[in-house]
Amino acid sequence: MAVWFSYINGAFALLGSLGGGGGIYSIPALAGAVGAYVMVNGKKWGYWMCAVVATLGLVSSALGVFYFGMAFALNAVFSVALFAGLLHPMSRRYVKIWLD
């Protein structure tokens, strides 16, 4: 599930940067999509790349909610879901067993 959230996050970042918004701020989301692709292809460093990007997204969403209010609440919900999905014990067990 976390892989799908990473893909969706990257797709929205790509659409946002094509629409004129985003720019350099979409690079972490696209890095998460690349990490998800690498993770699906069996590499452990893709998982860690997704975990770092999810952590950065969680921190930036929390700061956005803190400074700008509830306008960032939906983004924060998806950031928490991605972070929890990647660091869930079942995901960690999957990485330990199946990824190189």
C-alpha atoms as a PDB file:
ATOM      1  CA  MET A   1       0.000   0.000   0.000  1.00  0.00           C
ATOM      2  CA  ALA A   2       2.855   2.365   0.785  1.00  0.00           C
ATOM      3  CA  VAL A   3       4.249   1.802  -2.694  1.00  0.00           C
ATOM      4  CA  TRP A   4       0.962   2.974  -4.187  1.00  0.00           C
ATOM      5  CA  PHE A   5       0.968   6.052  -1.960  1.00  0.00           C
ATOM      6  CA  SER A   6       4.503   6.818  -3.159  1.00  0.00           C
ATOM      7  CA  TYR A   7       3.435   6.448  -6.782  1.00  0.00           C
ATOM      8  CA  ILE A   8       0.367   8.647  -6.275  1.00  0.00           C
ATOM      9  CA  ASN A   9       2.422  11.267  -4.453  1.00  0.00           C
ATOM     10  CA  GLY A  10       4.917  11.326  -7.331  1.00  0.00           C
ATOM     11  CA  ALA A  11       2.140  11.531  -9.933  1.00  0.00           C
ATOM     12  CA  PHE A  12       0.525  14.495  -8.191  1.00  0.00           C
ATOM     13  CA  ALA A  13       3.918  16.191  -7.881  1.00  0.00           C
ATOM     14  CA  LEU A  14       4.512  15.675 -11.596  1.00  0.00           C
ATOM     15  CA  LEU A  15       1.088  17.052 -12.468  1.00  0.00           C
ATOM     16  CA  GLY A  16       1.647  19.998 -10.151  1.00  0.00           C
ATOM     17  CA  SER A  17       4.995  20.835 -11.697  1.00  0.00           C
ATOM     18  CA  LEU A  18       3.564  20.566 -15.220  1.00  0.00           C
ATOM     19  CA  GLY A  19       0.710  22.860 -14.257  1.00  0.00           C
ATOM     20  CA  GLY A  20       3.080  25.622 -13.219  1.00  0.00           C
ATOM     21  CA  GLY A  21       3.222  24.921  -9.491  1.00  0.00           C
ATOM     22  CA  GLY A  22       5.623  22.789  -7.556  1.00  0.00           C
ATOM     23  CA  GLY A  23       8.981  23.282  -9.208  1.00  0.00           C
ATOM     24  CA  ILE A  24      11.800  22.346  -6.881  1.00  0.00           C
ATOM     25  CA  TYR A  25       9.298  21.351  -4.196  1.00  0.00           C
ATOM     26  CA  SER A  26       8.164  18.390  -6.276  1.00  0.00           C
ATOM     27  CA  ILE A  27      11.637  16.791  -6.314  1.00  0.00           C
ATOM     28  CA  PRO A  28      11.161  14.862  -3.020  1.00  0.00           C
ATOM     29  CA  ALA A  29       7.841  13.418  -4.185  1.00  0.00           C
ATOM     30  CA  LEU A  30       9.373  12.343  -7.478  1.00  0.00           C
ATOM     31  CA  ALA A  31      12.284  10.828  -5.525  1.00  0.00           C
ATOM     32  CA  GLY A  32       9.712   8.858  -3.539  1.00  0.00           C
ATOM     33  CA  ALA A  33       8.180   7.549  -6.767  1.00  0.00           C
ATOM     34  CA  VAL A  34      11.627   6.499  -7.986  1.00  0.00           C
ATOM     35  CA  GLY A  35      12.255   4.818  -4.621  1.00  0.00           C
ATOM     36  CA  ALA A  36       8.951   2.965  -4.909  1.00  0.00           C
ATOM     37  CA  TYR A  37       9.871   1.763  -8.402  1.00  0.00           C
ATOM     38  CA  VAL A  38      13.259   0.545  -7.166  1.00  0.00           C
ATOM     39  CA  MET A  39      11.642  -1.111  -4.150  1.00  0.00           C
ATOM     40  CA  VAL A  40       9.186  -2.978  -6.375  1.00  0.00           C
ATOM     41  CA  ASN A  41      12.157  -4.235  -8.369  1.00  0.00           C
ATOM     42  CA  GLY A  42      13.664  -5.823  -5.260  1.00  0.00           C
ATOM     43  CA  LYS A  43      16.223  -3.341  -3.945  1.00  0.00           C
ATOM     44  CA  LYS A  44      16.419  -2.384  -0.292  1.00  0.00           C
ATOM     45  CA  TRP A  45      17.809   1.086  -0.972  1.00  0.00           C
ATOM     46  CA  GLY A  46      14.519   1.971  -2.664  1.00  0.00           C
ATOM     47  CA  TYR A  47      12.729   1.269   0.612  1.00  0.00           C
ATOM     48  CA  TRP A  48      15.104   3.497   2.535  1.00  0.00           C
ATOM     49  CA  MET A  49      14.759   6.217  -0.083  1.00  0.00           C
ATOM     50  CA  CYS A  50      10.969   6.077   0.306  1.00  0.00           C
ATOM     51  CA  ALA A  51      11.314   6.130   4.098  1.00  0.00           C
ATOM     52  CA  VAL A  52      13.500   9.247   4.026  1.00  0.00           C
ATOM     53  CA  VAL A  53      11.158  11.004   1.588  1.00  0.00           C
ATOM     54  CA  ALA A  54       8.139  10.040   3.709  1.00  0.00           C
ATOM     55  CA  THR A  55       9.844  11.414   6.820  1.00  0.00           C
ATOM     56  CA  LEU A  56      10.629  14.692   5.049  1.00  0.00           C
ATOM     57  CA  GLY A  57       7.055  14.871   3.799  1.00  0.00           C
ATOM     58  CA  LEU A  58       5.692  14.236   7.271  1.00  0.00           C
ATOM     59  CA  VAL A  59       7.841  16.982   8.784  1.00  0.00           C
ATOM     60  CA  SER A  60       6.991  19.478   6.039  1.00  0.00           C
ATOM     61  CA  SER A  61       3.262  18.700   6.305  1.00  0.00           C
ATOM     62  CA  ALA A  62       3.342  19.113  10.071  1.00  0.00           C
ATOM     63  CA  LEU A  63       5.089  22.462   9.679  1.00  0.00           C
ATOM     64  CA  GLY A  64       2.564  23.472   7.015  1.00  0.00           C
ATOM     65  CA  VAL A  65      -0.356  22.684   9.326  1.00  0.00           C
ATOM     66  CA  PHE A  66       1.363  24.484  12.191  1.00  0.00           C
ATOM     67  CA  TYR A  67       2.142  27.660  10.241  1.00  0.00           C
ATOM     68  CA  PHE A  68      -0.681  27.840   7.697  1.00  0.00           C
ATOM     69  CA  GLY A  69      -3.517  26.084   9.493  1.00  0.00           C
ATOM     70  CA  MET A  70      -5.904  23.455   8.253  1.00  0.00           C
ATOM     71  CA  ALA A  71      -5.264  24.157   4.570  1.00  0.00           C
ATOM     72  CA  PHE A  72      -2.531  21.511   4.734  1.00  0.00           C
ATOM     73  CA  ALA A  73      -4.588  18.983   6.684  1.00  0.00           C
ATOM     74  CA  LEU A  74      -5.329  16.644   3.756  1.00  0.00           C
ATOM     75  CA  ASN A  75      -1.689  16.643   2.733  1.00  0.00           C
ATOM     76  CA  ALA A  76      -0.754  15.842   6.333  1.00  0.00           C
ATOM     77  CA  VAL A  77      -3.181  12.893   6.406  1.00  0.00           C
ATOM     78  CA  PHE A  78      -1.585  11.354   3.306  1.00  0.00           C
ATOM     79  CA  SER A  79       1.899  12.011   4.682  1.00  0.00           C
ATOM     80  CA  VAL A  80       1.021  10.205   7.916  1.00  0.00           C
ATOM     81  CA  ALA A  81      -0.459   7.287   5.944  1.00  0.00           C
ATOM     82  CA  LEU A  82       2.661   6.972   3.785  1.00  0.00           C
ATOM     83  CA  PHE A  83       4.972   7.202   6.790  1.00  0.00           C
ATOM     84  CA  ALA A  84       2.955   4.652   8.790  1.00  0.00           C
ATOM     85  CA  GLY A  85       2.683   2.304   5.816  1.00  0.00           C
ATOM     86  CA  LEU A  86       6.411   2.271   5.227  1.00  0.00           C
ATOM     87  CA  LEU A  87       7.439   1.878   8.850  1.00  0.00           C
ATOM     88  CA  HIS A  88       4.749  -0.624   9.817  1.00  0.00           C
ATOM     89  CA  PRO A  89       6.177  -3.892  11.219  1.00  0.00           C
ATOM     90  CA  MET A  90       4.727  -5.918   8.333  1.00  0.00           C
ATOM     91  CA  SER A  91       6.467  -3.664   5.819  1.00  0.00           C
ATOM     92  CA  ARG A  92       9.724  -3.921   7.746  1.00  0.00           C
ATOM     93  CA  ARG A  93       9.400  -7.720   7.778  1.00  0.00           C
ATOM     94  CA  TYR A  94       8.765  -7.718   4.009  1.00  0.00           C
ATOM     95  CA  VAL A  95      11.903  -5.661   3.451  1.00  0.00           C
ATOM     96  CA  LYS A  96      13.940  -7.922   5.687  1.00  0.00           C
ATOM     97  CA  ILE A  97      12.790 -11.107   3.927  1.00  0.00           C
ATOM     98  CA  TRP A  98      12.399 -10.186   0.264  1.00  0.00           C
ATOM     99  CA  LEU A  99      14.576  -7.210  -0.643  1.00  0.00           C
ATOM    100  CA  ASP A 100      18.281  -7.383  -1.442  1.00  0.00           C
END
